[in-house]
């Protein structure tokens, strides 16, 4: 199981695409509502091809190596969900543990979402084509702000992870490849993503700090 994905709603969809393109991400798809209908505006179309059109983008999907980033049109920057890429055995086990925890599971053909007590969701993805075949740009750590209405160590139980560190306002869960750091906050937010390799620094237009986990 790999941590591979995150999604935001944002009014800055073009700025987000431009930012991640500069980091080497490739745009896979753009889907938005124009004149009351959902339409695709996928590459090789560029923003110049639909300049001036009032498109409400439902999703723009970008990929680099083993990382998939999506975002859609929103009135403000809102973190929606993270995603794990897993096999059938892992999928069945997690869905079963979600039921034991009493968390809602919304199963779909393409992906399944688990609703957490902190209002962000966890996507379960079994389709390997959502990332590229190249084994680079791996997410090693995410830092998430969340109200501790329920203790986030329960994410470790859901995803069969270890609790690496635990304080009253900070909890880290993970395995030997990736981890999730939960910081106590008034609302949910994805504050930082740490990637393998170099070339990541700064903050994306939605406010997520991007860092290289390995610095030479």
C-alpha atoms as a PDB file:
ATOM      1  CA  UNK A   1       0.000   0.000   0.000  1.00  0.00           C
ATOM      2  CA  UNK A   2       1.360   3.413  -1.005  1.00  0.00           C
ATOM      3  CA  UNK A   3       0.374   6.964  -0.139  1.00  0.00           C
ATOM      4  CA  UNK A   4      -0.005   8.470  -3.603  1.00  0.00           C
ATOM      5  CA  UNK A   5      -2.615  11.226  -3.786  1.00  0.00           C
ATOM      6  CA  UNK A   6      -4.219  14.414  -2.465  1.00  0.00           C
ATOM      7  CA  UNK A   7      -7.093  16.629  -3.612  1.00  0.00           C
ATOM      8  CA  UNK A   8      -8.040  20.277  -3.023  1.00  0.00           C
ATOM      9  CA  UNK A   9     -10.912  22.554  -3.940  1.00  0.00           C
ATOM     10  CA  UNK A  10      -9.573  25.968  -4.890  1.00  0.00           C
ATOM     11  CA  UNK A  11     -10.457  29.122  -6.856  1.00  0.00           C
ATOM     12  CA  UNK A  12      -6.907  28.996  -8.300  1.00  0.00           C
ATOM     13  CA  UNK A  13      -7.180  26.001 -10.621  1.00  0.00           C
ATOM     14  CA  UNK A  14      -5.071  27.483 -13.430  1.00  0.00           C
ATOM     15  CA  UNK A  15      -2.416  28.652 -10.985  1.00  0.00           C
ATOM     16  CA  UNK A  16      -2.355  25.157  -9.470  1.00  0.00           C
ATOM     17  CA  UNK A  17      -1.874  23.521 -12.859  1.00  0.00           C
ATOM     18  CA  UNK A  18       0.874  25.985 -13.794  1.00  0.00           C
ATOM     19  CA  UNK A  19       2.640  25.424 -10.462  1.00  0.00           C
ATOM     20  CA  UNK A  20       2.670  21.638 -10.678  1.00  0.00           C
ATOM     21  CA  UNK A  21       3.672  21.709 -14.343  1.00  0.00           C
ATOM     22  CA  UNK A  22       6.738  23.698 -13.312  1.00  0.00           C
ATOM     23  CA  UNK A  23       7.531  20.876 -10.887  1.00  0.00           C
ATOM     24  CA  UNK A  24       7.414  18.341 -13.730  1.00  0.00           C
ATOM     25  CA  UNK A  25       3.858  17.061 -13.313  1.00  0.00           C
ATOM     26  CA  UNK A  26       1.939  16.090 -16.431  1.00  0.00           C
ATOM     27  CA  UNK A  27      -1.723  17.034 -16.891  1.00  0.00           C
ATOM     28  CA  UNK A  28      -3.770  13.897 -17.517  1.00  0.00           C
ATOM     29  CA  UNK A  29      -7.297  15.265 -17.671  1.00  0.00           C
ATOM     30  CA  UNK A  30      -9.494  18.323 -17.211  1.00  0.00           C
ATOM     31  CA  UNK A  31     -13.244  17.962 -16.754  1.00  0.00           C
ATOM     32  CA  UNK A  32     -15.534  20.915 -16.184  1.00  0.00           C
ATOM     33  CA  UNK A  33     -19.034  22.283 -16.604  1.00  0.00           C
ATOM     34  CA  UNK A  34     -19.622  24.601 -19.569  1.00  0.00           C
ATOM     35  CA  UNK A  35     -23.083  25.806 -20.633  1.00  0.00           C
ATOM     36  CA  UNK A  36     -24.698  23.412 -18.176  1.00  0.00           C
ATOM     37  CA  UNK A  37     -22.896  20.288 -19.426  1.00  0.00           C
ATOM     38  CA  UNK A  38     -19.885  18.375 -18.156  1.00  0.00           C
ATOM     39  CA  UNK A  39     -17.206  18.332 -20.843  1.00  0.00           C
ATOM     40  CA  UNK A  40     -13.587  17.227 -21.203  1.00  0.00           C
ATOM     41  CA  UNK A  41     -10.838  19.750 -21.951  1.00  0.00           C
ATOM     42  CA  UNK A  42      -7.977  17.284 -21.865  1.00  0.00           C
ATOM     43  CA  UNK A  43      -4.489  17.793 -23.335  1.00  0.00           C
ATOM     44  CA  UNK A  44      -3.336  18.469 -25.953  1.00  0.00           C
ATOM     45  CA  UNK A  45      -5.770  21.362 -25.331  1.00  0.00           C
ATOM     46  CA  UNK A  46      -4.176  24.202 -23.391  1.00  0.00           C
ATOM     47  CA  UNK A  47      -5.742  27.063 -21.466  1.00  0.00           C
ATOM     48  CA  UNK A  48      -5.351  29.263 -24.559  1.00  0.00           C
ATOM     49  CA  UNK A  49      -7.785  26.951 -26.384  1.00  0.00           C
ATOM     50  CA  UNK A  50     -10.643  27.773 -23.994  1.00  0.00           C
ATOM     51  CA  UNK A  51      -9.626  31.261 -22.886  1.00  0.00           C
ATOM     52  CA  UNK A  52     -12.625  33.440 -22.022  1.00  0.00           C
ATOM     53  CA  UNK A  53     -14.992  30.503 -21.511  1.00  0.00           C
ATOM     54  CA  UNK A  54     -16.742  30.270 -18.150  1.00  0.00           C
ATOM     55  CA  UNK A  55     -15.709  26.722 -17.222  1.00  0.00           C
ATOM     56  CA  UNK A  56     -16.220  25.403 -13.692  1.00  0.00           C
ATOM     57  CA  UNK A  57     -13.587  22.690 -13.520  1.00  0.00           C
ATOM     58  CA  UNK A  58     -14.765  19.695 -11.527  1.00  0.00           C
ATOM     59  CA  UNK A  59     -11.368  18.038 -11.638  1.00  0.00           C
ATOM     60  CA  UNK A  60      -7.913  18.577 -13.058  1.00  0.00           C
ATOM     61  CA  UNK A  61      -5.663  15.548 -12.683  1.00  0.00           C
ATOM     62  CA  UNK A  62      -1.848  15.663 -12.765  1.00  0.00           C
ATOM     63  CA  UNK A  63       0.749  12.902 -12.392  1.00  0.00           C
ATOM     64  CA  UNK A  64       4.469  12.662 -11.788  1.00  0.00           C
ATOM     65  CA  UNK A  65       5.999   9.275 -11.069  1.00  0.00           C
ATOM     66  CA  UNK A  66       4.120   7.688  -8.161  1.00  0.00           C
ATOM     67  CA  UNK A  67       2.233  10.872  -7.191  1.00  0.00           C
ATOM     68  CA  UNK A  68      -1.234  11.882  -8.404  1.00  0.00           C
ATOM     69  CA  UNK A  69      -2.552  15.378  -7.563  1.00  0.00           C
ATOM     70  CA  UNK A  70      -6.105  16.553  -8.321  1.00  0.00           C
ATOM     71  CA  UNK A  71      -7.990  19.773  -7.694  1.00  0.00           C
ATOM     72  CA  UNK A  72     -11.308  21.314  -8.655  1.00  0.00           C
ATOM     73  CA  UNK A  73     -13.050  24.671  -8.689  1.00  0.00           C
ATOM     74  CA  UNK A  74     -14.069  25.966  -5.270  1.00  0.00           C
ATOM     75  CA  UNK A  75     -14.880  29.279  -3.621  1.00  0.00           C
ATOM     76  CA  UNK A  76     -11.907  28.934  -1.261  1.00  0.00           C
ATOM     77  CA  UNK A  77      -8.978  26.615  -0.650  1.00  0.00           C
ATOM     78  CA  UNK A  78     -10.335  23.449   0.977  1.00  0.00           C
ATOM     79  CA  UNK A  79      -8.449  20.191   1.486  1.00  0.00           C
ATOM     80  CA  UNK A  80     -10.753  17.296   0.592  1.00  0.00           C
ATOM     81  CA  UNK A  81      -8.965  13.943   0.698  1.00  0.00           C
ATOM     82  CA  UNK A  82      -5.823  11.860   0.517  1.00  0.00           C
ATOM     83  CA  UNK A  83      -5.453   8.567  -1.331  1.00  0.00           C
ATOM     84  CA  UNK A  84      -3.739   5.221  -0.905  1.00  0.00           C
ATOM     85  CA  UNK A  85      -2.977   2.791  -3.732  1.00  0.00           C
ATOM     86  CA  UNK A  86      -3.492  -0.805  -2.641  1.00  0.00           C
ATOM     87  CA  UNK A  87      -4.250  -4.371  -3.680  1.00  0.00           C
ATOM     88  CA  UNK A  88      -7.484  -6.327  -3.326  1.00  0.00           C
ATOM     89  CA  UNK A  89      -6.511  -8.003  -0.057  1.00  0.00           C
ATOM     90  CA  UNK A  90      -5.555  -4.698   1.550  1.00  0.00           C
ATOM     91  CA  UNK A  91      -8.737  -3.101   0.207  1.00  0.00           C
ATOM     92  CA  UNK A  92     -11.030  -5.735   1.730  1.00  0.00           C
ATOM     93  CA  UNK A  93      -9.265  -5.544   5.092  1.00  0.00           C
ATOM     94  CA  UNK A  94      -9.519  -1.740   5.270  1.00  0.00           C
ATOM     95  CA  UNK A  95     -13.195  -1.688   4.307  1.00  0.00           C
ATOM     96  CA  UNK A  96     -13.825  -4.234   7.064  1.00  0.00           C
ATOM     97  CA  UNK A  97     -11.955  -2.174   9.666  1.00  0.00           C
ATOM     98  CA  UNK A  98     -13.826   0.981   8.590  1.00  0.00           C
ATOM     99  CA  UNK A  99     -17.083  -0.831   9.352  1.00  0.00           C
ATOM    100  CA  UNK A 100     -15.726  -1.817  12.777  1.00  0.00           C
ATOM    101  CA  UNK A 101     -14.841   1.828  13.451  1.00  0.00           C
ATOM    102  CA  UNK A 102     -18.308   2.946  12.320  1.00  0.00           C
ATOM    103  CA  UNK A 103     -16.919   5.123   9.510  1.00  0.00           C
ATOM    104  CA  UNK A 104     -18.964   5.615   6.334  1.00  0.00           C
ATOM    105  CA  UNK A 105     -17.709   3.790   3.232  1.00  0.00           C
ATOM    106  CA  UNK A 106     -18.791   4.938  -0.236  1.00  0.00           C
ATOM    107  CA  UNK A 107     -17.766   2.213  -2.676  1.00  0.00           C
ATOM    108  CA  UNK A 108     -17.538   2.986  -6.381  1.00  0.00           C
ATOM    109  CA  UNK A 109     -16.334   1.276  -9.538  1.00  0.00           C
ATOM    110  CA  UNK A 110     -13.322   3.559  -9.973  1.00  0.00           C
ATOM    111  CA  UNK A 111     -12.550   4.359  -6.331  1.00  0.00           C
ATOM    112  CA  UNK A 112     -13.875   4.090  -2.795  1.00  0.00           C
ATOM    113  CA  UNK A 113     -14.013   6.828  -0.172  1.00  0.00           C
ATOM    114  CA  UNK A 114     -13.936   6.449   3.599  1.00  0.00           C
ATOM    115  CA  UNK A 115     -15.232   9.418   5.589  1.00  0.00           C
ATOM    116  CA  UNK A 116     -13.165  10.139   8.705  1.00  0.00           C
ATOM    117  CA  UNK A 117     -14.342  11.881  11.887  1.00  0.00           C
ATOM    118  CA  UNK A 118     -12.235  14.936  10.919  1.00  0.00           C
ATOM    119  CA  UNK A 119     -14.267  15.655   7.713  1.00  0.00           C
ATOM    120  CA  UNK A 120     -11.448  14.800   5.298  1.00  0.00           C
ATOM    121  CA  UNK A 121     -11.774  11.559   3.358  1.00  0.00           C
ATOM    122  CA  UNK A 122      -9.431   8.706   2.501  1.00  0.00           C
ATOM    123  CA  UNK A 123      -9.566   7.356  -1.047  1.00  0.00           C
ATOM    124  CA  UNK A 124      -8.905   3.666  -1.618  1.00  0.00           C
ATOM    125  CA  UNK A 125      -7.586   3.158  -5.140  1.00  0.00           C
ATOM    126  CA  UNK A 126      -6.885  -0.218  -6.754  1.00  0.00           C
ATOM    127  CA  UNK A 127      -6.152   0.997 -10.318  1.00  0.00           C
ATOM    128  CA  UNK A 128      -2.408   1.224 -10.920  1.00  0.00           C
ATOM    129  CA  UNK A 129      -2.855   3.464 -13.992  1.00  0.00           C
ATOM    130  CA  UNK A 130      -3.563   6.487 -11.751  1.00  0.00           C
ATOM    131  CA  UNK A 131       0.230   6.855 -11.426  1.00  0.00           C
ATOM    132  CA  UNK A 132       2.992   6.392 -13.976  1.00  0.00           C
ATOM    133  CA  UNK A 133       5.258   3.377 -14.335  1.00  0.00           C
ATOM    134  CA  UNK A 134       8.266   5.450 -13.287  1.00  0.00           C
ATOM    135  CA  UNK A 135       9.326   4.800  -9.699  1.00  0.00           C
ATOM    136  CA  UNK A 136      10.074   8.354  -8.611  1.00  0.00           C
ATOM    137  CA  UNK A 137       8.316  11.277  -6.894  1.00  0.00           C
ATOM    138  CA  UNK A 138       7.053   9.149  -4.040  1.00  0.00           C
ATOM    139  CA  UNK A 139       5.134  10.773  -1.187  1.00  0.00           C
ATOM    140  CA  UNK A 140       6.988   9.951   2.021  1.00  0.00           C
ATOM    141  CA  UNK A 141       5.064  12.095   4.489  1.00  0.00           C
ATOM    142  CA  UNK A 142       1.962  14.267   4.760  1.00  0.00           C
ATOM    143  CA  UNK A 143       1.238  16.707   7.571  1.00  0.00           C
ATOM    144  CA  UNK A 144      -2.472  17.196   8.247  1.00  0.00           C
ATOM    145  CA  UNK A 145      -4.180  19.617  10.617  1.00  0.00           C
ATOM    146  CA  UNK A 146      -7.377  18.279  12.163  1.00  0.00           C
ATOM    147  CA  UNK A 147      -9.615  18.870  15.190  1.00  0.00           C
ATOM    148  CA  UNK A 148      -8.985  16.015  17.604  1.00  0.00           C
ATOM    149  CA  UNK A 149     -12.679  15.247  18.057  1.00  0.00           C
ATOM    150  CA  UNK A 150     -11.648  11.613  17.861  1.00  0.00           C
ATOM    151  CA  UNK A 151      -8.049  10.625  18.392  1.00  0.00           C
ATOM    152  CA  UNK A 152      -6.281  10.322  15.005  1.00  0.00           C
ATOM    153  CA  UNK A 153      -4.400   7.236  16.142  1.00  0.00           C
ATOM    154  CA  UNK A 154      -7.493   5.378  14.857  1.00  0.00           C
ATOM    155  CA  UNK A 155      -6.147   6.020  11.326  1.00  0.00           C
ATOM    156  CA  UNK A 156      -3.356   3.602  12.247  1.00  0.00           C
ATOM    157  CA  UNK A 157      -5.951   0.957  13.030  1.00  0.00           C
ATOM    158  CA  UNK A 158      -7.827   1.631   9.788  1.00  0.00           C
ATOM    159  CA  UNK A 159      -4.767   1.434   7.521  1.00  0.00           C
ATOM    160  CA  UNK A 160      -2.836  -1.147   9.585  1.00  0.00           C
ATOM    161  CA  UNK A 161      -0.045   1.326  10.404  1.00  0.00           C
ATOM    162  CA  UNK A 162       2.147   1.762  13.458  1.00  0.00           C
ATOM    163  CA  UNK A 163       1.870   4.698  15.859  1.00  0.00           C
ATOM    164  CA  UNK A 164       5.373   6.199  15.636  1.00  0.00           C
ATOM    165  CA  UNK A 165       4.867   9.173  17.944  1.00  0.00           C
ATOM    166  CA  UNK A 166       2.057  10.423  20.118  1.00  0.00           C
ATOM    167  CA  UNK A 167       1.527  13.653  22.050  1.00  0.00           C
ATOM    168  CA  UNK A 168      -1.611  15.470  23.133  1.00  0.00           C
ATOM    169  CA  UNK A 169      -1.604  17.665  20.025  1.00  0.00           C
ATOM    170  CA  UNK A 170       0.546  15.681  17.536  1.00  0.00           C
ATOM    171  CA  UNK A 171       0.397  12.076  16.350  1.00  0.00           C
ATOM    172  CA  UNK A 172       2.476  10.301  13.697  1.00  0.00           C
ATOM    173  CA  UNK A 173       1.352   7.016  12.146  1.00  0.00           C
ATOM    174  CA  UNK A 174       3.000   5.101   9.324  1.00  0.00           C
ATOM    175  CA  UNK A 175       5.168   2.225   8.199  1.00  0.00           C
ATOM    176  CA  UNK A 176       8.771   2.015   6.966  1.00  0.00           C
ATOM    177  CA  UNK A 177       7.910   3.800   3.691  1.00  0.00           C
ATOM    178  CA  UNK A 178       5.516   6.647   4.477  1.00  0.00           C
ATOM    179  CA  UNK A 179       3.796   8.402   7.339  1.00  0.00           C
ATOM    180  CA  UNK A 180       0.938  10.734   8.259  1.00  0.00           C
ATOM    181  CA  UNK A 181       1.482  13.453  10.849  1.00  0.00           C
ATOM    182  CA  UNK A 182      -1.661  14.828  12.506  1.00  0.00           C
ATOM    183  CA  UNK A 183      -1.455  18.203  14.241  1.00  0.00           C
ATOM    184  CA  UNK A 184      -4.296  19.478  16.375  1.00  0.00           C
ATOM    185  CA  UNK A 185      -6.102  22.341  14.592  1.00  0.00           C
ATOM    186  CA  UNK A 186      -9.493  24.037  14.491  1.00  0.00           C
ATOM    187  CA  UNK A 187     -10.241  22.728  10.985  1.00  0.00           C
ATOM    188  CA  UNK A 188      -8.842  20.226   8.515  1.00  0.00           C
ATOM    189  CA  UNK A 189      -5.938  21.247   6.330  1.00  0.00           C
ATOM    190  CA  UNK A 190      -3.157  19.590   4.389  1.00  0.00           C
ATOM    191  CA  UNK A 191      -0.229  21.695   5.545  1.00  0.00           C
ATOM    192  CA  UNK A 192       2.746  19.884   3.995  1.00  0.00           C
ATOM    193  CA  UNK A 193       3.747  17.074   1.635  1.00  0.00           C
ATOM    194  CA  UNK A 194       7.264  15.604   1.672  1.00  0.00           C
ATOM    195  CA  UNK A 195       8.486  13.896  -1.513  1.00  0.00           C
ATOM    196  CA  UNK A 196      11.389  11.579  -2.232  1.00  0.00           C
ATOM    197  CA  UNK A 197      14.196  13.095  -4.225  1.00  0.00           C
ATOM    198  CA  UNK A 198      14.988  16.722  -4.920  1.00  0.00           C
ATOM    199  CA  UNK A 199      13.322  19.659  -6.638  1.00  0.00           C
ATOM    200  CA  UNK A 200      10.471  20.312  -4.212  1.00  0.00           C
ATOM    201  CA  UNK A 201      10.363  23.473  -2.154  1.00  0.00           C
ATOM    202  CA  UNK A 202       7.976  26.339  -1.511  1.00  0.00           C
ATOM    203  CA  UNK A 203       4.197  26.494  -1.236  1.00  0.00           C
ATOM    204  CA  UNK A 204       1.599  25.646  -3.874  1.00  0.00           C
ATOM    205  CA  UNK A 205      -1.265  28.105  -4.638  1.00  0.00           C
ATOM    206  CA  UNK A 206      -3.637  26.215  -2.297  1.00  0.00           C
ATOM    207  CA  UNK A 207      -1.224  26.760   0.598  1.00  0.00           C
ATOM    208  CA  UNK A 208       0.391  23.309   0.802  1.00  0.00           C
ATOM    209  CA  UNK A 209       4.097  23.356   1.676  1.00  0.00           C
ATOM    210  CA  UNK A 210       6.043  21.070  -0.671  1.00  0.00           C
ATOM    211  CA  UNK A 211       9.371  19.716   0.516  1.00  0.00           C
ATOM    212  CA  UNK A 212      11.992  17.224  -0.571  1.00  0.00           C
ATOM    213  CA  UNK A 213      12.355  14.469   2.020  1.00  0.00           C
ATOM    214  CA  UNK A 214      15.929  13.825   0.903  1.00  0.00           C
ATOM    215  CA  UNK A 215      18.211  16.820   0.744  1.00  0.00           C
ATOM    216  CA  UNK A 216      21.714  16.487  -0.604  1.00  0.00           C
END
